[in-house]
PDB file of N, CA and C in Angstrom:
ATOM      1  N   MET A   1      77.533  58.166 119.298  1.00  0.00           N
ATOM      2  CA  MET A   1      77.857  58.977 120.121  1.00  0.00           C
ATOM      3  C   MET A   1      79.153  59.244 120.447  1.00  0.00           C
ATOM      4  N   ARG A   2      79.966  58.436 120.533  1.00  0.00           N
ATOM      5  CA  ARG A   2      81.434  58.707 120.694  1.00  0.00           C
ATOM      6  C   ARG A   2      81.982  59.599 119.628  1.00  0.00           C
ATOM      7  N   ARG A   3      81.602  59.206 118.319  1.00  0.00           N
ATOM      8  CA  ARG A   3      82.164  59.870 117.130  1.00  0.00           C
ATOM      9  C   ARG A   3      81.691  61.454 117.367  1.00  0.00           C
ATOM     10  N   ILE A   4      80.519  61.682 117.936  1.00  0.00           N
ATOM     11  CA  ILE A   4      80.131  63.160 117.959  1.00  0.00           C
ATOM     12  C   ILE A   4      80.966  63.764 118.997  1.00  0.00           C
ATOM     13  N   ARG A   5      81.052  63.277 120.207  1.00  0.00           N
ATOM     14  CA  ARG A   5      81.881  63.781 121.109  1.00  0.00           C
ATOM     15  C   ARG A   5      83.259  64.036 120.664  1.00  0.00           C
ATOM     16  N   ALA A   6      83.803  62.973 120.018  1.00  0.00           N
ATOM     17  CA  ALA A   6      85.258  63.182 119.460  1.00  0.00           C
ATOM     18  C   ALA A   6      85.278  64.421 118.526  1.00  0.00           C
ATOM     19  N   TRP A   7      84.252  64.441 117.764  1.00  0.00           N
ATOM     20  CA  TRP A   7      84.210  65.502 116.832  1.00  0.00           C
ATOM     21  C   TRP A   7      84.279  66.969 117.293  1.00  0.00           C
ATOM     22  N   ASN A   8      83.307  67.116 118.253  1.00  0.00           N
ATOM     23  CA  ASN A   8      83.123  68.291 118.962  1.00  0.00           C
ATOM     24  C   ASN A   8      84.446  68.630 119.681  1.00  0.00           C
ATOM     25  N   TRP A   9      85.189  67.754 120.313  1.00  0.00           N
ATOM     26  CA  TRP A   9      86.341  67.943 121.005  1.00  0.00           C
ATOM     27  C   TRP A   9      87.394  68.516 120.052  1.00  0.00           C
ATOM     28  N   LYS A  10      87.392  67.762 118.875  1.00  0.00           N
ATOM     29  CA  LYS A  10      88.498  68.138 117.975  1.00  0.00           C
ATOM     30  C   LYS A  10      88.120  69.619 117.428  1.00  0.00           C
ATOM     31  N   LYS A  11      86.919  69.875 117.294  1.00  0.00           N
ATOM     32  CA  LYS A  11      86.644  71.158 116.732  1.00  0.00           C
ATOM     33  C   LYS A  11      87.026  72.378 117.757  1.00  0.00           C
ATOM     34  N   LYS A  12      86.703  72.091 118.973  1.00  0.00           N
ATOM     35  CA  LYS A  12      87.010  72.962 120.125  1.00  0.00           C
ATOM     36  C   LYS A  12      88.545  73.200 120.163  1.00  0.00           C
ATOM     37  N   LEU A  13      89.349  72.003 120.194  1.00  0.00           N
ATOM     38  CA  LEU A  13      90.854  72.083 120.041  1.00  0.00           C
ATOM     39  C   LEU A  13      91.124  72.969 118.988  1.00  0.00           C
ATOM     40  N   LEU A  14      90.805  72.683 117.688  1.00  0.00           N
ATOM     41  CA  LEU A  14      91.144  73.538 116.696  1.00  0.00           C
ATOM     42  C   LEU A  14      91.028  74.980 116.761  1.00  0.00           C
ATOM     43  N   GLY A  15      89.558  75.212 117.299  1.00  0.00           N
ATOM     44  CA  GLY A  15      89.337  76.721 117.436  1.00  0.00           C
ATOM     45  C   GLY A  15      90.440  77.306 118.669  1.00  0.00           C
ATOM     46  N   VAL A  16      90.513  76.537 119.471  1.00  0.00           N
ATOM     47  CA  VAL A  16      91.419  77.247 120.796  1.00  0.00           C
ATOM     48  C   VAL A  16      92.758  77.423 120.271  1.00  0.00           C
ATOM     49  N   SER A  17      93.323  76.431 119.394  1.00  0.00           N
ATOM     50  CA  SER A  17      94.673  76.383 118.863  1.00  0.00           C
ATOM     51  C   SER A  17      94.878  77.598 117.897  1.00  0.00           C
ATOM     52  N   LEU A  18      93.665  77.853 117.067  1.00  0.00           N
ATOM     53  CA  LEU A  18      93.883  79.001 115.957  1.00  0.00           C
ATOM     54  C   LEU A  18      93.809  80.365 116.689  1.00  0.00           C
ATOM     55  N   LEU A  19      92.972  80.302 117.679  1.00  0.00           N
ATOM     56  CA  LEU A  19      92.747  81.694 118.620  1.00  0.00           C
ATOM     57  C   LEU A  19      94.455  81.948 119.244  1.00  0.00           C
ATOM     58  N   ALA A  20      94.907  80.887 119.837  1.00  0.00           N
ATOM     59  CA  ALA A  20      96.119  81.120 120.374  1.00  0.00           C
ATOM     60  C   ALA A  20      97.373  81.530 119.433  1.00  0.00           C
ATOM     61  N   LEU A  21      97.191  80.837 118.202  1.00  0.00           N
ATOM     62  CA  LEU A  21      98.126  81.399 117.246  1.00  0.00           C
ATOM     63  C   LEU A  21      97.850  82.846 116.766  1.00  0.00           C
ATOM     64  N   LEU A  22      96.583  83.216 116.500  1.00  0.00           N
ATOM     65  CA  LEU A  22      96.351  84.541 116.237  1.00  0.00           C
ATOM     66  C   LEU A  22      96.856  85.462 117.418  1.00  0.00           C
ATOM     67  N   VAL A  23      96.484  85.035 118.467  1.00  0.00           N
ATOM     68  CA  VAL A  23      96.894  86.085 119.696  1.00  0.00           C
ATOM     69  C   VAL A  23      98.437  85.940 119.582  1.00  0.00           C
ATOM     70  N   GLY A  24      99.133  85.016 119.603  1.00  0.00           N
ATOM     71  CA  GLY A  24     100.655  85.065 119.474  1.00  0.00           C
ATOM     72  C   GLY A  24     101.078  85.887 118.514  1.00  0.00           C
ATOM     73  N   TYR A  25     100.678  85.717 117.112  1.00  0.00           N
ATOM     74  CA  TYR A  25     101.064  86.429 116.177  1.00  0.00           C
ATOM     75  C   TYR A  25     100.773  87.915 116.280  1.00  0.00           C
ATOM     76  N   GLY A  26      99.788  88.393 116.899  1.00  0.00           N
ATOM     77  CA  GLY A  26      99.459  89.926 117.017  1.00  0.00           C
ATOM     78  C   GLY A  26     100.454  90.407 118.143  1.00  0.00           C
ATOM     79  N   LEU A  27     100.850  89.510 119.154  1.00  0.00           N
ATOM     80  CA  LEU A  27     101.785  89.941 120.194  1.00  0.00           C
ATOM     81  C   LEU A  27     103.216  90.067 119.740  1.00  0.00           C
ATOM     82  N   CYS A  28     103.557  89.288 118.586  1.00  0.00           N
ATOM     83  CA  CYS A  28     104.924  89.340 118.083  1.00  0.00           C
ATOM     84  C   CYS A  28     105.170  90.600 117.164  1.00  0.00           C
ATOM     85  N   LEU A  29     104.053  91.038 116.586  1.00  0.00           N
ATOM     86  CA  LEU A  29     104.135  92.270 115.571  1.00  0.00           C
ATOM     87  C   LEU A  29     104.763  93.356 116.246  1.00  0.00           C
ATOM     88  N   PRO A  30     105.811  93.932 115.571  1.00  0.00           N
ATOM     89  CA  PRO A  30     106.259  95.362 116.230  1.00  0.00           C
ATOM     90  C   PRO A  30     105.256  96.435 116.100  1.00  0.00           C
ATOM     91  N   LYS A  31     105.327  97.558 116.771  1.00  0.00           N
ATOM     92  CA  LYS A  31     104.312  98.775 116.788  1.00  0.00           C
ATOM     93  C   LYS A  31     104.260  99.280 115.377  1.00  0.00           C
ATOM     94  N   GLN A  32     105.460  99.517 114.975  1.00  0.00           N
ATOM     95  CA  GLN A  32     105.487  99.960 113.583  1.00  0.00           C
ATOM     96  C   GLN A  32     105.692  98.885 112.661  1.00  0.00           C
ATOM     97  N   LEU A  33     104.978  98.559 111.759  1.00  0.00           N
ATOM     98  CA  LEU A  33     104.923  97.490 110.778  1.00  0.00           C
ATOM     99  C   LEU A  33     106.171  97.699 109.898  1.00  0.00           C
ATOM    100  N   PHE A  34     106.130  98.799 109.204  1.00  0.00           N
ATOM    101  CA  PHE A  34     107.066  99.159 108.329  1.00  0.00           C
ATOM    102  C   PHE A  34     107.893 100.238 108.344  1.00  0.00           C
ATOM    103  N   LYS A  35     109.195  99.986 108.159  1.00  0.00           N
ATOM    104  CA  LYS A  35     110.290 101.044 108.231  1.00  0.00           C
ATOM    105  C   LYS A  35     110.622 101.392 106.847  1.00  0.00           C
ATOM    106  N   ASP A  36     109.971 101.186 105.848  1.00  0.00           N
ATOM    107  CA  ASP A  36     110.413 101.462 104.571  1.00  0.00           C
ATOM    108  C   ASP A  36     110.111 102.815 104.222  1.00  0.00           C
ATOM    109  N   PRO A  37     110.551 103.324 103.071  1.00  0.00           N
ATOM    110  CA  PRO A  37     110.295 104.676 102.881  1.00  0.00           C
ATOM    111  C   PRO A  37     108.754 104.984 102.318  1.00  0.00           C
ATOM    112  N   THR A  38     108.303 106.157 102.902  1.00  0.00           N
ATOM    113  CA  THR A  38     106.884 106.516 102.340  1.00  0.00           C
ATOM    114  C   THR A  38     106.867 107.371 101.244  1.00  0.00           C
ATOM    115  N   SER A  39     105.764 107.329 100.681  1.00  0.00           N
ATOM    116  CA  SER A  39     105.570 108.317  99.416  1.00  0.00           C
ATOM    117  C   SER A  39     105.715 109.983  99.953  1.00  0.00           C
ATOM    118  N   THR A  40     106.076 110.660  98.940  1.00  0.00           N
ATOM    119  CA  THR A  40     106.194 111.901  99.393  1.00  0.00           C
ATOM    120  C   THR A  40     104.844 112.746  99.013  1.00  0.00           C
ATOM    121  N   ILE A  41     104.153 113.244  99.876  1.00  0.00           N
ATOM    122  CA  ILE A  41     102.970 114.041  99.771  1.00  0.00           C
ATOM    123  C   ILE A  41     103.115 115.304  99.798  1.00  0.00           C
ATOM    124  N   LEU A  42     102.377 116.181  98.983  1.00  0.00           N
ATOM    125  CA  LEU A  42     102.232 117.669  99.133  1.00  0.00           C
ATOM    126  C   LEU A  42     100.658 118.152  99.460  1.00  0.00           C
ATOM    127  N   LEU A  43     100.639 118.722 100.587  1.00  0.00           N
ATOM    128  CA  LEU A  43      99.326 119.349 101.105  1.00  0.00           C
ATOM    129  C   LEU A  43      99.260 120.581 101.042  1.00  0.00           C
ATOM    130  N   ASP A  44      97.941 121.403 100.854  1.00  0.00           N
ATOM    131  CA  ASP A  44      97.824 122.632 100.820  1.00  0.00           C
ATOM    132  C   ASP A  44      97.685 123.144 102.455  1.00  0.00           C
ATOM    133  N   ARG A  45      97.571 124.302 102.730  1.00  0.00           N
ATOM    134  CA  ARG A  45      97.417 124.909 103.891  1.00  0.00           C
ATOM    135  C   ARG A  45      96.115 124.352 104.794  1.00  0.00           C
ATOM    136  N   ASN A  46      95.256 123.929 103.920  1.00  0.00           N
ATOM    137  CA  ASN A  46      94.027 123.212 104.652  1.00  0.00           C
ATOM    138  C   ASN A  46      94.156 121.788 104.677  1.00  0.00           C
ATOM    139  N   GLY A  47      95.313 121.262 104.344  1.00  0.00           N
ATOM    140  CA  GLY A  47      95.400 119.601 104.533  1.00  0.00           C
ATOM    141  C   GLY A  47      94.882 118.914 103.358  1.00  0.00           C
ATOM    142  N   THR A  48      94.562 119.597 102.224  1.00  0.00           N
ATOM    143  CA  THR A  48      94.034 118.889 101.114  1.00  0.00           C
ATOM    144  C   THR A  48      95.351 118.402 100.295  1.00  0.00           C
ATOM    145  N   LEU A  49      95.103 117.324  99.857  1.00  0.00           N
ATOM    146  CA  LEU A  49      96.295 116.662  99.189  1.00  0.00           C
ATOM    147  C   LEU A  49      96.313 117.183  97.677  1.00  0.00           C
ATOM    148  N   LEU A  50      97.524 117.720  97.433  1.00  0.00           N
ATOM    149  CA  LEU A  50      97.716 118.414  95.995  1.00  0.00           C
ATOM    150  C   LEU A  50      98.298 117.373  95.096  1.00  0.00           C
ATOM    151  N   ASN A  51      99.488 116.678  95.860  1.00  0.00           N
ATOM    152  CA  ASN A  51     100.132 115.689  94.770  1.00  0.00           C
ATOM    153  C   ASN A  51     100.816 114.715  95.739  1.00  0.00           C
ATOM    154  N   ALA A  52     101.200 113.615  95.084  1.00  0.00           N
ATOM    155  CA  ALA A  52     102.060 112.624  95.725  1.00  0.00           C
ATOM    156  C   ALA A  52     103.026 111.934  94.692  1.00  0.00           C
ATOM    157  N   LYS A  53     104.017 111.438  95.341  1.00  0.00           N
ATOM    158  CA  LYS A  53     105.057 110.674  94.515  1.00  0.00           C
ATOM    159  C   LYS A  53     105.278 109.485  95.147  1.00  0.00           C
ATOM    160  N   ILE A  54     105.567 108.559  94.264  1.00  0.00           N
ATOM    161  CA  ILE A  54     105.670 107.115  94.657  1.00  0.00           C
ATOM    162  C   ILE A  54     107.186 107.167  95.603  1.00  0.00           C
ATOM    163  N   ALA A  55     107.114 106.144  96.542  1.00  0.00           N
ATOM    164  CA  ALA A  55     108.327 106.010  97.212  1.00  0.00           C
ATOM    165  C   ALA A  55     109.688 105.553  96.577  1.00  0.00           C
ATOM    166  N   THR A  56     110.808 105.593  97.048  1.00  0.00           N
ATOM    167  CA  THR A  56     111.961 105.192  96.267  1.00  0.00           C
ATOM    168  C   THR A  56     111.927 103.723  95.817  1.00  0.00           C
ATOM    169  N   ASP A  57     111.276 102.909  96.645  1.00  0.00           N
ATOM    170  CA  ASP A  57     111.325 101.468  96.235  1.00  0.00           C
ATOM    171  C   ASP A  57     110.194 101.068  95.142  1.00  0.00           C
ATOM    172  N   GLY A  58     109.314 102.105  94.719  1.00  0.00           N
ATOM    173  CA  GLY A  58     108.381 101.815  93.839  1.00  0.00           C
ATOM    174  C   GLY A  58     106.967 101.470  94.465  1.00  0.00           C
ATOM    175  N   GLN A  59     106.800 101.681  95.546  1.00  0.00           N
ATOM    176  CA  GLN A  59     105.492 101.274  96.266  1.00  0.00           C
ATOM    177  C   GLN A  59     104.966 102.585  96.805  1.00  0.00           C
ATOM    178  N   TRP A  60     103.520 102.434  96.809  1.00  0.00           N
ATOM    179  CA  TRP A  60     102.846 103.583  97.287  1.00  0.00           C
ATOM    180  C   TRP A  60     102.489 103.317  98.928  1.00  0.00           C
ATOM    181  N   ARG A  61     103.289 104.083  99.711  1.00  0.00           N
ATOM    182  CA  ARG A  61     103.054 104.047 101.222  1.00  0.00           C
ATOM    183  C   ARG A  61     103.122 105.365 101.758  1.00  0.00           C
ATOM    184  N   PHE A  62     101.748 105.687 102.151  1.00  0.00           N
ATOM    185  CA  PHE A  62     101.528 107.087 102.524  1.00  0.00           C
ATOM    186  C   PHE A  62     101.903 107.278 104.022  1.00  0.00           C
ATOM    187  N   PRO A  63     102.566 108.416 104.573  1.00  0.00           N
ATOM    188  CA  PRO A  63     102.544 108.448 105.907  1.00  0.00           C
ATOM    189  C   PRO A  63     101.243 108.589 106.730  1.00  0.00           C
ATOM    190  N   GLU A  64     101.329 108.420 107.861  1.00  0.00           N
ATOM    191  CA  GLU A  64     100.033 108.449 108.641  1.00  0.00           C
ATOM    192  C   GLU A  64      99.248 109.736 108.486  1.00  0.00           C
ATOM    193  N   ILE A  65      98.342 109.780 107.739  1.00  0.00           N
ATOM    194  CA  ILE A  65      97.446 111.007 107.721  1.00  0.00           C
ATOM    195  C   ILE A  65      95.902 110.321 107.971  1.00  0.00           C
ATOM    196  N   VAL A  66      94.940 111.180 108.285  1.00  0.00           N
ATOM    197  CA  VAL A  66      93.615 110.694 108.654  1.00  0.00           C
ATOM    198  C   VAL A  66      92.826 109.977 107.351  1.00  0.00           C
ATOM    199  N   ALA A  67      93.039 110.824 106.280  1.00  0.00           N
ATOM    200  CA  ALA A  67      92.220 110.197 105.060  1.00  0.00           C
ATOM    201  C   ALA A  67      93.145 110.790 103.812  1.00  0.00           C
ATOM    202  N   VAL A  68      92.981 109.962 102.847  1.00  0.00           N
ATOM    203  CA  VAL A  68      93.517 110.390 101.445  1.00  0.00           C
ATOM    204  C   VAL A  68      92.117 110.688 100.732  1.00  0.00           C
ATOM    205  N   PRO A  69      92.181 111.789  99.762  1.00  0.00           N
ATOM    206  CA  PRO A  69      90.919 112.188  99.188  1.00  0.00           C
ATOM    207  C   PRO A  69      90.372 110.930  98.409  1.00  0.00           C
ATOM    208  N   LYS A  70      89.098 110.877  98.115  1.00  0.00           N
ATOM    209  CA  LYS A  70      88.470 109.800  97.494  1.00  0.00           C
ATOM    210  C   LYS A  70      88.895 109.756  96.081  1.00  0.00           C
ATOM    211  N   LYS A  71      89.051 110.809  95.369  1.00  0.00           N
ATOM    212  CA  LYS A  71      89.450 110.916  93.970  1.00  0.00           C
ATOM    213  C   LYS A  71      90.677 110.235  93.761  1.00  0.00           C
ATOM    214  N   PHE A  72      91.835 110.665  94.587  1.00  0.00           N
ATOM    215  CA  PHE A  72      93.135 110.049  94.645  1.00  0.00           C
ATOM    216  C   PHE A  72      92.979 108.405  94.951  1.00  0.00           C
ATOM    217  N   GLU A  73      92.325 108.159  95.908  1.00  0.00           N
ATOM    218  CA  GLU A  73      92.233 106.695  96.206  1.00  0.00           C
ATOM    219  C   GLU A  73      91.675 106.075  95.033  1.00  0.00           C
ATOM    220  N   ARG A  74      90.606 106.522  94.252  1.00  0.00           N
ATOM    221  CA  ARG A  74      90.125 105.952  93.203  1.00  0.00           C
ATOM    222  C   ARG A  74      91.022 105.922  92.063  1.00  0.00           C
ATOM    223  N   CYS A  75      91.915 106.952  91.879  1.00  0.00           N
ATOM    224  CA  CYS A  75      92.837 106.752  90.882  1.00  0.00           C
ATOM    225  C   CYS A  75      94.046 105.687  91.140  1.00  0.00           C
ATOM    226  N   ILE A  76      94.328 105.649  92.245  1.00  0.00           N
ATOM    227  CA  ILE A  76      95.303 104.482  92.779  1.00  0.00           C
ATOM    228  C   ILE A  76      94.716 103.196  92.586  1.00  0.00           C
ATOM    229  N   LEU A  77      93.433 102.951  93.021  1.00  0.00           N
ATOM    230  CA  LEU A  77      92.792 101.724  93.011  1.00  0.00           C
ATOM    231  C   LEU A  77      92.640 101.288  91.383  1.00  0.00           C
ATOM    232  N   LEU A  78      92.088 102.066  90.609  1.00  0.00           N
ATOM    233  CA  LEU A  78      92.011 101.833  88.982  1.00  0.00           C
ATOM    234  C   LEU A  78      93.515 101.520  88.286  1.00  0.00           C
ATOM    235  N   TYR A  79      94.533 102.269  88.891  1.00  0.00           N
ATOM    236  CA  TYR A  79      95.906 101.841  88.337  1.00  0.00           C
ATOM    237  C   TYR A  79      96.337 100.527  88.776  1.00  0.00           C
ATOM    238  N   GLU A  80      96.143 100.364  90.200  1.00  0.00           N
ATOM    239  CA  GLU A  80      96.786  99.007  90.788  1.00  0.00           C
ATOM    240  C   GLU A  80      95.909  97.812  90.574  1.00  0.00           C
ATOM    241  N   ASP A  81      94.517  98.026  90.918  1.00  0.00           N
ATOM    242  CA  ASP A  81      93.641  96.821  90.951  1.00  0.00           C
ATOM    243  C   ASP A  81      92.392  97.313  90.906  1.00  0.00           C
ATOM    244  N   GLU A  82      91.660  97.664  89.748  1.00  0.00           N
ATOM    245  CA  GLU A  82      90.258  97.985  89.684  1.00  0.00           C
ATOM    246  C   GLU A  82      89.193  97.327  90.261  1.00  0.00           C
ATOM    247  N   HIS A  83      89.667  95.809  90.370  1.00  0.00           N
ATOM    248  CA  HIS A  83      88.558  95.052  91.024  1.00  0.00           C
ATOM    249  C   HIS A  83      88.727  94.894  92.434  1.00  0.00           C
ATOM    250  N   PHE A  84      89.599  95.683  93.008  1.00  0.00           N
ATOM    251  CA  PHE A  84      89.834  95.559  94.433  1.00  0.00           C
ATOM    252  C   PHE A  84      88.807  95.225  95.481  1.00  0.00           C
ATOM    253  N   ASN A  85      87.573  96.038  95.259  1.00  0.00           N
ATOM    254  CA  ASN A  85      86.499  96.104  96.143  1.00  0.00           C
ATOM    255  C   ASN A  85      85.660  94.826  95.889  1.00  0.00           C
ATOM    256  N   THR A  86      85.896  94.008  94.654  1.00  0.00           N
ATOM    257  CA  THR A  86      84.972  93.037  94.326  1.00  0.00           C
ATOM    258  C   THR A  86      85.552  91.589  94.725  1.00  0.00           C
ATOM    259  N   HIS A  87      86.995  91.599  95.065  1.00  0.00           N
ATOM    260  CA  HIS A  87      87.469  90.163  94.972  1.00  0.00           C
ATOM    261  C   HIS A  87      87.781  89.921  96.529  1.00  0.00           C
ATOM    262  N   PRO A  88      88.048  88.612  96.937  1.00  0.00           N
ATOM    263  CA  PRO A  88      88.306  88.282  98.308  1.00  0.00           C
ATOM    264  C   PRO A  88      89.505  88.538  98.760  1.00  0.00           C
ATOM    265  N   GLY A  89      90.474  89.521  98.214  1.00  0.00           N
ATOM    266  CA  GLY A  89      91.605  89.513  98.669  1.00  0.00           C
ATOM    267  C   GLY A  89      92.603  89.181  97.627  1.00  0.00           C
ATOM    268  N   PHE A  90      92.202  88.350  96.743  1.00  0.00           N
ATOM    269  CA  PHE A  90      92.949  88.062  95.607  1.00  0.00           C
ATOM    270  C   PHE A  90      92.008  87.897  94.481  1.00  0.00           C
ATOM    271  N   ASN A  91      92.431  88.213  93.194  1.00  0.00           N
ATOM    272  CA  ASN A  91      91.536  88.161  92.013  1.00  0.00           C
ATOM    273  C   ASN A  91      91.771  87.055  91.385  1.00  0.00           C
ATOM    274  N   PRO A  92      90.826  85.929  91.339  1.00  0.00           N
ATOM    275  CA  PRO A  92      91.046  84.666  90.910  1.00  0.00           C
ATOM    276  C   PRO A  92      91.011  84.829  89.150  1.00  0.00           C
ATOM    277  N   VAL A  93      90.521  85.763  88.602  1.00  0.00           N
ATOM    278  CA  VAL A  93      90.636  86.019  87.137  1.00  0.00           C
ATOM    279  C   VAL A  93      91.945  86.446  87.062  1.00  0.00           C
ATOM    280  N   SER A  94      92.555  87.250  87.565  1.00  0.00           N
ATOM    281  CA  SER A  94      93.905  87.899  87.140  1.00  0.00           C
ATOM    282  C   SER A  94      94.976  86.579  87.471  1.00  0.00           C
ATOM    283  N   ILE A  95      94.782  85.785  88.671  1.00  0.00           N
ATOM    284  CA  ILE A  95      95.759  84.865  88.703  1.00  0.00           C
ATOM    285  C   ILE A  95      95.495  83.867  87.488  1.00  0.00           C
ATOM    286  N   TYR A  96      94.358  83.526  87.155  1.00  0.00           N
ATOM    287  CA  TYR A  96      94.370  82.595  85.863  1.00  0.00           C
ATOM    288  C   TYR A  96      95.014  83.120  84.763  1.00  0.00           C
ATOM    289  N   ARG A  97      94.736  84.389  84.435  1.00  0.00           N
ATOM    290  CA  ARG A  97      95.436  85.056  83.285  1.00  0.00           C
ATOM    291  C   ARG A  97      96.910  85.006  83.534  1.00  0.00           C
ATOM    292  N   ALA A  98      97.475  85.407  84.733  1.00  0.00           N
ATOM    293  CA  ALA A  98      99.060  85.197  84.913  1.00  0.00           C
ATOM    294  C   ALA A  98      99.364  83.932  84.667  1.00  0.00           C
ATOM    295  N   ALA A  99      98.694  82.891  85.264  1.00  0.00           N
ATOM    296  CA  ALA A  99      99.250  81.413  85.006  1.00  0.00           C
ATOM    297  C   ALA A  99      99.216  81.085  83.701  1.00  0.00           C
ATOM    298  N   ARG A 100      98.206  81.538  82.865  1.00  0.00           N
ATOM    299  CA  ARG A 100      98.060  81.184  81.383  1.00  0.00           C
ATOM    300  C   ARG A 100      99.270  81.857  80.609  1.00  0.00           C
ATOM    301  N   ALA A 101      99.579  83.091  80.919  1.00  0.00           N
ATOM    302  CA  ALA A 101     100.542  83.854  80.451  1.00  0.00           C
ATOM    303  C   ALA A 101     102.003  83.202  80.622  1.00  0.00           C
ATOM    304  N   ASN A 102     102.002  82.778  81.856  1.00  0.00           N
ATOM    305  CA  ASN A 102     103.486  82.109  82.145  1.00  0.00           C
ATOM    306  C   ASN A 102     103.622  80.817  81.587  1.00  0.00           C
ATOM    307  N   MET A 103     102.404  80.027  81.333  1.00  0.00           N
ATOM    308  CA  MET A 103     102.538  78.717  80.671  1.00  0.00           C
ATOM    309  C   MET A 103     102.864  78.983  79.230  1.00  0.00           C
ATOM    310  N   LYS A 104     102.487  80.146  78.620  1.00  0.00           N
ATOM    311  CA  LYS A 104     102.714  80.242  77.195  1.00  0.00           C
ATOM    312  C   LYS A 104     104.065  80.710  76.971  1.00  0.00           C
ATOM    313  N   ALA A 105     104.561  81.313  78.080  1.00  0.00           N
ATOM    314  CA  ALA A 105     106.022  82.101  77.826  1.00  0.00           C
ATOM    315  C   ALA A 105     107.101  80.747  78.335  1.00  0.00           C
TER     316      ALA A 105
END
């Protein structure tokens, strides 16, 4: 019985600690996360994206707009990470291939 109470107490303490850390982290973030240069975009008079150029530091960072056209989004995803929608934030297969290539090198 004591073990169960101790276990429940530890789980609650862990949950409260994690919540406090997340709230603290959220409060520490600046309003604007990135001050890096954004990609140059060209829109027509209706707001349709015609062209985009990568930022000076080699990253795709769009200025705040309502939406990027689906076709352009798909092109970027295929170029950058075609499995973006199917992995949990990192691609284990790609990590394995990169580790294997590093070991060979």
